[in-house]
Each structure stands twice: as C-alpha cells, then as structure tokens.
Amino acid sequence: MVRRRAHDWPPHRTVAVMPGSLPMGGLVEDTPIHAFETPAPALVLAADAGLRPTRHDIELGGLLAFEIRGLMTADEADAIVEASERFGYRDEAPGISTPPGMRMNKSVHWVADTALLGPLFERMAHLLPSRIDGAHLFPRLSERINMYRYDDGDVFNRHTDGDWPGFGLSADRREMVQWPGLRSCLTMLLYLNGPDDGVQGGQTRLFRPDGSAHDVLPAKGNALFFRHGFGAHSVLHVGCQVRGPVPKYVARINVMYAPG
C-alpha cells in the first residue's frame, strides 16, 4: 500500500455520536462518526480516471445482485483505507444493531465529501438501476460511509442489510445531517483490497432463495451491489472469515432512491 505523507491529511472531528453495538452484545454510548475539517486532497477523485467500469450481473434466483468491476484505481482505494485508519477502527459500530456473534469485525463510520463520492457516482451511474419499486435513482450516494476491517479470524455472519436514509455534512462541516425524503435500495460494498494484496478468505457469500450460494471475491477497486431492506427482495449474505496477517477493508455505501 502507498502511504501518503501526514501533512496531506487535514485534521478530523466528530460530527455525530450514536450508541454503538459491540460484536458480542452490549452498547457503547457516544460512539463517534467522523469527518475531515476540510476536504482531504487525497480523497478528491476525477470523474474520468481512465477507467472503464463494467457491470456483471449475478444469477441469484430472481434477486438483484451485480458487480461493477474496475470502478476505482489502486491509489484511490489505498487513500480511503488510509483515511479510515486515521479516524481509527473500534469494536463498536455506531447506529448499528446486530445480535451477539453476528458482526465480528472492526468498524469506523465517517462522512465523506462530494469530491470523493460525486465522481465515483458519475463513473457508475449508467450501470445502476434507474428505478426500483417505483422509486428513481437519486443522483448522489449517501455520504455516510460504514467501513469494516476484518482482521485474522473476523467474520460477518449471515444477515440482511437494512435500508437507510441519506446523510451528508452541514454547511459548516460540524454536524452530520440527514437528507429528507430519500431511502436506500441497494448496498454497495466497495472492496479496498483483496487476494492480490495478501488477503486470505473474505469473500462475500450471497444466498439464493433456495439456499444455494454465490461467492464474490474481494478485489481492490471493484464493488458489489445487492438489494437490501427487510422484505422478500433483500439478499441474505455473509462476509466470510478472513485468515492471516493481512486485514480485509471494505466500505459499505448506500445507493439512494427517491419516491415517484
């Protein structure tokens, strides 16, 4: 991984606090959600970085799931990992409620800038469903990023993802604010490293309604998308166990849809 100089990164602050659930049960009050005090130069993306992302649909017994490959460069992925480590990973996950033994990894939540997520959305917008259940694709990704680090032995056991409102930063960058009138319909799992970087295991296992499964290997710069929410359309999945000294890094980003 390419490490950037410390002075390339602005200071960061806490922009929200929420109770954070622990892997084996229990809550930690005032678990922070972070943001940089000013936009981080290392996280400014170009809409066209010479990439040609491609969509690959996954046969999942009628459920919606697909990969977009080649979405991000290796340096861009490394910068997101470096940012997340500066905020600091914790056992607890803010605003997430999971039963004991389900989420067995480390978490950090932060609010990113449009300079990162705007160009990322532009690279893939033409590959996303324009409508889901009558709602139309909103032209911004939620800027609250839920990141997970899987160290040796870590796993995210079988679960479905809930749907979320959208979030961004207030004009003075001091608070996380919720966007009105929007809900997410798709989970985006952005893989920030993978087997080529030494990650062992860590595939995402997607289950079909008949109980059979499809495994997606993490690969730096690729993203996996699937329906979420707590209806029959939501994709049951597992973040499989990681083994060995190299942690797996993944960012969950919510793809937003607006009614009508």
Protein backbone atom coordinates (compact mmCIF):
# COMPACT_ATOMS: atom_id res chain seq x y z
CA MET A 1 0.00 0.00 0.00
CA VAL A 2 1.20 3.51 -0.82
CA ARG A 3 1.30 5.58 2.35
CA ARG A 4 0.74 9.32 1.93
CA ARG A 5 2.58 11.95 3.94
CA ALA A 6 0.94 13.01 7.20
CA HIS A 7 0.64 16.65 6.09
CA ASP A 8 -1.52 15.60 3.12
CA TRP A 9 -4.34 14.96 5.58
CA PRO A 10 -6.36 17.68 7.34
CA PRO A 11 -7.44 17.28 10.97
CA HIS A 12 -10.69 15.46 11.61
CA ARG A 13 -13.52 15.91 14.09
CA THR A 14 -16.53 14.07 15.47
CA VAL A 15 -19.70 15.18 13.63
CA ALA A 16 -22.20 12.86 15.36
CA VAL A 17 -22.35 10.35 18.20
CA MET A 18 -24.63 7.33 18.49
CA PRO A 19 -24.82 4.25 20.69
CA GLY A 20 -22.53 1.64 19.20
CA SER A 21 -23.23 -2.09 19.30
CA LEU A 22 -20.42 -4.46 20.29
CA PRO A 23 -19.71 -7.75 18.49
CA MET A 24 -20.73 -9.92 21.44
CA GLY A 25 -23.59 -7.72 22.64
CA GLY A 26 -23.91 -4.55 24.63
CA LEU A 27 -23.72 -0.87 23.70
CA VAL A 28 -21.09 1.84 23.96
CA GLU A 29 -22.70 5.26 24.31
CA ASP A 30 -21.41 8.21 22.28
CA THR A 31 -19.64 6.19 19.60
CA PRO A 32 -18.26 8.80 17.15
CA ILE A 33 -18.89 9.37 13.46
CA HIS A 34 -16.07 11.36 11.88
CA ALA A 35 -15.33 13.85 9.11
CA PHE A 36 -12.31 15.83 8.00
CA GLU A 37 -12.38 19.51 8.97
CA THR A 38 -11.62 20.44 5.35
CA PRO A 39 -11.77 18.32 2.18
CA ALA A 40 -8.82 15.94 2.03
CA PRO A 41 -6.78 16.36 -1.17
CA ALA A 42 -6.01 12.64 -1.19
CA LEU A 43 -9.75 11.92 -1.50
CA VAL A 44 -10.53 14.15 -4.48
CA LEU A 45 -11.42 11.90 -7.41
CA ALA A 46 -11.64 12.66 -11.11
CA ALA A 47 -14.85 11.63 -12.85
CA ASP A 48 -12.75 10.02 -15.59
CA ALA A 49 -9.61 8.36 -14.25
CA GLY A 50 -9.05 6.37 -17.44
CA LEU A 51 -11.23 3.57 -16.08
CA ARG A 52 -13.94 1.72 -17.96
CA PRO A 53 -16.14 0.13 -15.29
CA THR A 54 -18.17 -2.89 -16.37
CA ARG A 55 -21.29 -4.46 -14.84
CA HIS A 56 -21.54 -8.20 -14.26
CA ASP A 57 -24.96 -9.49 -13.18
CA ILE A 58 -25.16 -12.34 -10.67
CA GLU A 59 -27.75 -15.08 -11.09
CA LEU A 60 -29.39 -15.17 -7.69
CA GLY A 61 -32.75 -16.85 -8.22
CA GLY A 62 -34.56 -13.66 -9.16
CA LEU A 63 -32.90 -11.41 -6.57
CA LEU A 64 -30.99 -8.35 -7.73
CA ALA A 65 -27.20 -8.50 -7.35
CA PHE A 66 -24.33 -7.45 -9.59
CA GLU A 67 -20.68 -6.42 -9.58
CA ILE A 68 -19.15 -3.31 -11.08
CA ARG A 69 -15.52 -4.01 -11.80
CA GLY A 70 -12.75 -1.51 -12.39
CA LEU A 71 -14.51 1.29 -10.52
CA MET A 72 -11.53 2.72 -8.65
CA THR A 73 -7.75 2.83 -9.03
CA ALA A 74 -5.43 1.15 -6.56
CA ASP A 75 -4.14 4.52 -5.30
CA GLU A 76 -7.69 5.77 -4.72
CA ALA A 77 -8.58 2.64 -2.76
CA ASP A 78 -5.39 2.94 -0.70
CA ALA A 79 -6.27 6.55 0.16
CA ILE A 80 -9.68 5.53 1.53
CA VAL A 81 -8.04 2.85 3.67
CA GLU A 82 -5.52 5.38 4.97
CA ALA A 83 -8.32 7.84 5.80
CA SER A 84 -10.24 5.18 7.72
CA GLU A 85 -7.18 4.24 9.77
CA ARG A 86 -6.68 7.91 10.69
CA PHE A 87 -10.21 8.01 12.13
CA GLY A 88 -9.49 4.75 13.95
CA TYR A 89 -11.32 1.42 13.99
CA ARG A 90 -13.33 0.34 17.02
CA ASP A 91 -15.11 -2.79 18.18
CA GLU A 92 -18.41 -0.92 18.36
CA ALA A 93 -20.40 0.24 15.31
CA PRO A 94 -22.46 3.46 15.69
CA GLY A 95 -26.16 3.22 14.92
CA ILE A 96 -25.91 -0.48 14.00
CA SER A 97 -27.90 -3.09 15.90
CA THR A 98 -26.72 -6.69 15.49
CA PRO A 99 -27.26 -9.69 17.76
CA PRO A 100 -24.29 -11.13 19.66
CA GLY A 101 -21.88 -13.06 17.45
CA MET A 102 -23.10 -11.70 14.10
CA ARG A 103 -20.77 -8.77 13.31
CA MET A 104 -17.35 -9.98 14.35
CA ASN A 105 -15.12 -7.28 12.85
CA LYS A 106 -13.95 -3.70 13.46
CA SER A 107 -15.83 -0.61 12.33
CA VAL A 108 -15.47 3.09 11.67
CA HIS A 109 -18.15 5.39 10.26
CA TRP A 110 -17.36 8.72 8.61
CA VAL A 111 -18.95 11.33 6.38
CA ALA A 112 -17.14 11.79 3.09
CA ASP A 113 -17.05 14.78 0.76
CA THR A 114 -18.84 15.14 -2.55
CA ALA A 115 -15.36 15.43 -4.10
CA LEU A 116 -14.93 11.71 -3.36
CA LEU A 117 -18.41 10.27 -3.85
CA GLY A 118 -19.64 12.57 -6.65
CA PRO A 119 -17.07 11.41 -9.23
CA LEU A 120 -17.46 7.82 -8.02
CA PHE A 121 -21.19 8.04 -8.71
CA GLU A 122 -20.56 9.54 -12.16
CA ARG A 123 -18.34 6.59 -13.08
CA MET A 124 -21.10 4.07 -12.42
CA ALA A 125 -24.45 5.87 -12.70
CA HIS A 126 -25.15 4.44 -16.16
CA LEU A 127 -24.71 0.92 -14.75
CA LEU A 128 -27.16 1.30 -11.84
CA PRO A 129 -30.89 0.51 -11.97
CA SER A 130 -32.71 3.74 -12.84
CA ARG A 131 -35.83 2.66 -10.91
CA ILE A 132 -36.53 0.20 -8.10
CA ASP A 133 -40.06 -0.47 -6.86
CA GLY A 134 -41.27 2.76 -8.44
CA ALA A 135 -38.54 4.91 -6.86
CA HIS A 136 -35.99 6.59 -9.12
CA LEU A 137 -32.23 6.73 -8.71
CA PHE A 138 -31.11 9.78 -6.76
CA PRO A 139 -28.01 11.40 -8.30
CA ARG A 140 -25.91 11.27 -5.11
CA LEU A 141 -24.63 8.50 -2.92
CA SER A 142 -25.20 8.83 0.80
CA GLU A 143 -22.03 10.37 2.18
CA ARG A 144 -22.03 8.39 5.40
CA ILE A 145 -19.59 5.55 4.81
CA ASN A 146 -19.69 2.49 7.07
CA MET A 147 -16.28 0.85 6.89
CA TYR A 148 -15.23 -2.53 8.19
CA ARG A 149 -11.84 -4.05 8.80
CA TYR A 150 -11.63 -7.82 9.01
CA ASP A 151 -8.56 -8.96 10.93
CA ASP A 152 -7.44 -12.58 11.29
CA GLY A 153 -10.49 -14.67 12.26
CA ASP A 154 -13.05 -11.88 11.71
CA VAL A 155 -16.37 -12.66 10.04
CA PHE A 156 -19.78 -11.04 9.47
CA ASN A 157 -22.20 -13.93 9.87
CA ARG A 158 -25.40 -14.43 7.90
CA HIS A 159 -27.60 -11.31 7.80
CA THR A 160 -29.56 -8.90 5.64
CA ASP A 161 -28.80 -5.18 5.43
CA GLY A 162 -31.37 -2.61 6.47
CA ASP A 163 -32.31 0.36 4.32
CA TRP A 164 -31.09 3.80 5.37
CA PRO A 165 -31.79 7.50 4.91
CA GLY A 166 -29.12 9.57 3.20
CA PHE A 167 -26.59 11.62 5.14
CA GLY A 168 -24.15 14.42 4.43
CA LEU A 169 -22.29 17.23 6.19
CA SER A 170 -23.75 20.52 7.36
CA ALA A 171 -22.53 23.67 5.61
CA ASP A 172 -20.06 24.38 8.43
CA ARG A 173 -18.86 20.73 8.38
CA ARG A 174 -19.55 20.34 12.10
CA GLU A 175 -22.56 18.03 12.01
CA MET A 176 -23.85 15.05 10.12
CA VAL A 177 -27.27 15.90 8.64
CA GLN A 178 -29.98 13.61 7.30
CA TRP A 179 -31.41 14.11 3.81
CA PRO A 180 -35.23 14.25 3.79
CA GLY A 181 -37.46 12.11 1.60
CA LEU A 182 -34.92 9.50 0.49
CA ARG A 183 -34.28 5.84 1.29
CA SER A 184 -31.58 3.50 0.11
CA CYS A 185 -32.46 0.46 -2.00
CA LEU A 186 -29.02 -1.00 -2.74
CA THR A 187 -25.99 -1.87 -0.64
CA MET A 188 -22.71 -1.02 -2.35
CA LEU A 189 -19.75 -2.93 -0.95
CA LEU A 190 -16.61 -1.23 -2.22
CA TYR A 191 -13.64 -3.57 -1.93
CA LEU A 192 -10.45 -1.73 -0.99
CA ASN A 193 -8.10 -4.72 -1.11
CA GLY A 194 -8.18 -8.41 -1.89
CA PRO A 195 -6.15 -11.56 -2.65
CA ASP A 196 -3.63 -9.66 -4.78
CA ASP A 197 -2.81 -7.66 -1.65
CA GLY A 198 -2.44 -10.76 0.52
CA VAL A 199 -5.99 -11.06 1.86
CA GLN A 200 -6.90 -14.68 2.56
CA GLY A 201 -10.60 -15.52 2.55
CA GLY A 202 -13.03 -12.67 3.00
CA GLN A 203 -15.35 -13.46 0.09
CA THR A 204 -18.93 -12.19 0.23
CA ARG A 205 -21.36 -15.12 0.08
CA LEU A 206 -24.78 -14.30 -1.40
CA PHE A 207 -27.66 -16.71 -0.84
CA ARG A 208 -30.40 -17.60 -3.31
CA PRO A 209 -33.95 -18.24 -2.08
CA ASP A 210 -33.36 -22.00 -2.45
CA GLY A 211 -30.39 -21.85 -0.04
CA SER A 212 -27.63 -22.22 -2.62
CA ALA A 213 -24.95 -19.54 -2.68
CA HIS A 214 -22.66 -17.49 -4.91
CA ASP A 215 -19.28 -16.25 -3.66
CA VAL A 216 -17.79 -12.90 -4.71
CA LEU A 217 -14.07 -12.49 -4.13
CA PRO A 218 -12.93 -9.08 -2.92
CA ALA A 219 -10.78 -7.27 -5.46
CA LYS A 220 -9.35 -3.79 -4.98
CA GLY A 221 -11.44 -1.22 -6.84
CA ASN A 222 -14.43 -3.49 -7.53
CA ALA A 223 -17.85 -3.08 -5.94
CA LEU A 224 -20.70 -5.48 -5.20
CA PHE A 225 -24.33 -4.29 -5.24
CA PHE A 226 -27.46 -6.04 -3.95
CA ARG A 227 -30.97 -5.25 -2.76
CA HIS A 228 -31.45 -4.58 0.91
CA GLY A 229 -34.22 -3.81 3.37
CA PHE A 230 -36.23 -6.31 5.33
CA GLY A 231 -38.59 -7.56 2.63
CA ALA A 232 -38.51 -10.67 0.45
CA HIS A 233 -36.25 -8.90 -2.06
CA SER A 234 -33.36 -8.44 0.40
CA VAL A 235 -30.26 -10.55 -0.21
CA LEU A 236 -29.09 -12.72 2.67
CA HIS A 237 -25.30 -12.73 2.80
CA VAL A 238 -22.14 -13.45 4.81
CA GLY A 239 -18.82 -11.63 4.99
CA CYS A 240 -16.72 -14.78 5.13
CA GLN A 241 -13.89 -15.23 7.60
CA VAL A 242 -10.52 -13.63 6.90
CA ARG A 243 -7.39 -15.60 7.74
CA GLY A 244 -3.79 -14.50 8.08
CA PRO A 245 -1.92 -11.25 8.78
CA VAL A 246 -3.41 -9.01 6.06
CA PRO A 247 -6.75 -7.43 7.02
CA LYS A 248 -9.57 -7.00 4.53
CA TYR A 249 -11.01 -3.49 4.12
CA VAL A 250 -14.48 -2.85 2.73
CA ALA A 251 -16.71 0.24 2.62
CA ARG A 252 -20.49 -0.03 2.74
CA ILE A 253 -22.08 2.84 0.83
CA ASN A 254 -25.83 3.29 0.37
CA VAL A 255 -27.30 3.91 -3.10
CA MET A 256 -30.22 6.28 -2.71
CA TYR A 257 -33.63 6.34 -4.39
CA ALA A 258 -36.41 8.94 -4.29
CA PRO A 259 -40.14 8.17 -4.43
CA GLY A 260 -42.19 8.92 -7.53
